[in-house]
Amino acid sequence: MENYKVVRPGHLNHYGHLFGGFMLQWVDEIGWIAASRDNPGCRFVTIGMDRVEFHRGVGEGAVLRFEAAEARRGTSSLTYAVSVFADDLETGTEQAIFSTCITFVRVDEDGRKCPLPVR
């Protein structure tokens, strides 16, 4: 799944760069959307995120492109790889700025872990 986000003034830290907390929120949300779209009817919660390392800062007005794809599937959990790129709209180039893997577990209406559907 692919998605885009624009970095706005309210997303900046006191140094004028994207605040890392917004990046983590967007990555988690986009990973969850991808998992939910790929597995209709399943209810997912985040249980972990792999290494968090920001490769370069981005400023106001940057257009971020997010790619999310299933990387691993278990009995009740799945992991999505999420990569983020900053697009330069003037040159048409992009730079990788962040990547991680997020693990989600399927839960029932009472919040208890339950198996993923068989594919």
Protein backbone atom coordinates (compact mmCIF):
# COMPACT_ATOMS: atom_id res chain seq x y z
CA MET A 1 0.00 0.00 0.00
CA GLU A 2 1.20 3.51 -0.75
CA ASN A 3 0.18 6.75 0.98
CA TYR A 4 1.34 10.38 1.13
CA LYS A 5 1.58 13.07 3.79
CA VAL A 6 2.60 16.76 3.69
CA VAL A 7 4.80 18.07 6.51
CA ARG A 8 3.06 21.16 7.90
CA PRO A 9 4.25 23.82 10.39
CA GLY A 10 2.51 22.05 13.29
CA HIS A 11 4.58 18.91 12.64
CA LEU A 12 7.94 20.65 13.21
CA ASN A 13 10.17 20.49 16.26
CA HIS A 14 11.96 23.51 17.74
CA TYR A 15 14.78 23.09 15.16
CA GLY A 16 12.41 23.38 12.19
CA HIS A 17 12.46 19.69 11.26
CA LEU A 18 9.74 17.05 11.37
CA PHE A 19 9.18 15.92 14.97
CA GLY A 20 9.92 12.17 15.20
CA GLY A 21 6.73 11.48 17.13
CA PHE A 22 4.62 12.46 14.12
CA MET A 23 6.65 10.13 11.90
CA LEU A 24 6.09 7.23 14.32
CA GLN A 25 2.36 7.98 14.51
CA TRP A 26 2.01 8.09 10.72
CA VAL A 27 4.06 4.91 10.21
CA ASP A 28 1.97 3.05 12.80
CA GLU A 29 -1.29 4.31 11.32
CA ILE A 30 -0.35 3.49 7.72
CA GLY A 31 0.91 0.04 8.73
CA TRP A 32 -2.37 -0.61 10.56
CA ILE A 33 -4.42 0.54 7.54
CA ALA A 34 -2.43 -1.77 5.24
CA ALA A 35 -2.87 -4.74 7.60
CA SER A 36 -6.60 -4.02 7.99
CA ARG A 37 -7.16 -3.63 4.25
CA ASP A 38 -5.25 -6.83 3.49
CA ASN A 39 -7.22 -8.75 6.15
CA PRO A 40 -10.85 -7.54 6.09
CA GLY A 41 -12.85 -8.17 9.23
CA CYS A 42 -9.75 -8.47 11.45
CA ARG A 43 -9.17 -6.20 14.41
CA PHE A 44 -5.48 -5.36 14.94
CA VAL A 45 -3.44 -3.69 17.68
CA THR A 46 0.22 -2.73 17.52
CA ILE A 47 2.48 -4.84 19.72
CA GLY A 48 5.92 -3.75 18.55
CA MET A 49 8.05 -1.69 16.26
CA ASP A 50 11.55 -2.70 15.22
CA ARG A 51 14.51 -0.38 15.18
CA VAL A 52 13.61 3.30 15.03
CA GLU A 53 16.27 5.27 13.17
CA PHE A 54 15.73 8.52 11.31
CA HIS A 55 18.06 8.65 8.28
CA ARG A 56 17.66 12.37 7.54
CA GLY A 57 15.57 15.32 8.63
CA VAL A 58 12.81 16.89 6.59
CA GLY A 59 11.38 20.38 6.76
CA GLU A 60 8.10 22.14 6.24
CA GLY A 61 6.39 21.42 2.92
CA ALA A 62 8.09 18.09 2.33
CA VAL A 63 5.89 15.46 0.72
CA LEU A 64 6.43 12.06 2.32
CA ARG A 65 5.65 8.81 0.52
CA PHE A 66 4.92 5.76 2.65
CA GLU A 67 5.15 2.16 1.43
CA ALA A 68 3.72 -0.64 3.58
CA ALA A 69 3.80 -4.36 2.76
CA GLU A 70 3.35 -7.58 4.70
CA ALA A 71 6.73 -9.03 5.65
CA ARG A 72 5.81 -11.92 7.96
CA ARG A 73 2.66 -13.79 8.94
CA GLY A 74 2.27 -15.88 12.07
CA THR A 75 -0.65 -17.61 13.76
CA SER A 76 -2.17 -14.51 15.35
CA SER A 77 0.27 -11.75 14.41
CA LEU A 78 1.70 -10.20 11.28
CA THR A 79 4.53 -7.82 10.56
CA TYR A 80 4.49 -5.02 8.02
CA ALA A 81 7.59 -3.35 6.59
CA VAL A 82 7.07 0.40 6.27
CA SER A 83 9.46 2.65 4.33
CA VAL A 84 9.24 6.43 4.09
CA PHE A 85 10.66 8.61 1.33
CA ALA A 86 10.84 12.41 1.04
CA ASP A 87 9.82 13.54 -2.44
CA ASP A 88 11.46 16.59 -4.03
CA LEU A 89 8.64 17.93 -6.18
CA GLU A 90 10.97 20.27 -8.09
CA THR A 91 13.41 17.59 -9.30
CA GLY A 92 11.16 14.53 -9.13
CA THR A 93 13.71 12.68 -6.98
CA GLU A 94 13.21 11.15 -3.56
CA GLN A 95 15.35 10.14 -0.61
CA ALA A 96 14.77 7.35 1.88
CA ILE A 97 14.34 8.90 5.33
CA PHE A 98 12.93 6.14 7.56
CA SER A 99 12.08 2.43 7.62
CA THR A 100 10.94 -0.06 10.23
CA CYS A 101 8.83 -3.16 10.73
CA ILE A 102 5.67 -3.04 12.83
CA THR A 103 4.07 -6.11 14.36
CA PHE A 104 0.32 -6.27 14.89
CA VAL A 105 -1.71 -8.93 16.67
CA ARG A 106 -5.30 -9.82 15.87
CA VAL A 107 -7.69 -9.43 18.81
CA ASP A 108 -11.35 -10.24 19.34
CA GLU A 109 -14.05 -7.87 20.62
CA ASP A 110 -12.81 -8.42 24.20
CA GLY A 111 -9.20 -7.61 23.32
CA ARG A 112 -8.00 -11.22 23.49
CA LYS A 113 -5.52 -12.55 20.95
CA CYS A 114 -7.11 -14.73 18.28
CA PRO A 115 -5.87 -16.53 15.15
CA LEU A 116 -5.56 -14.92 11.76
CA PRO A 117 -7.81 -16.31 9.03
CA VAL A 118 -6.30 -19.06 6.90
CA ARG A 119 -5.37 -17.91 3.39
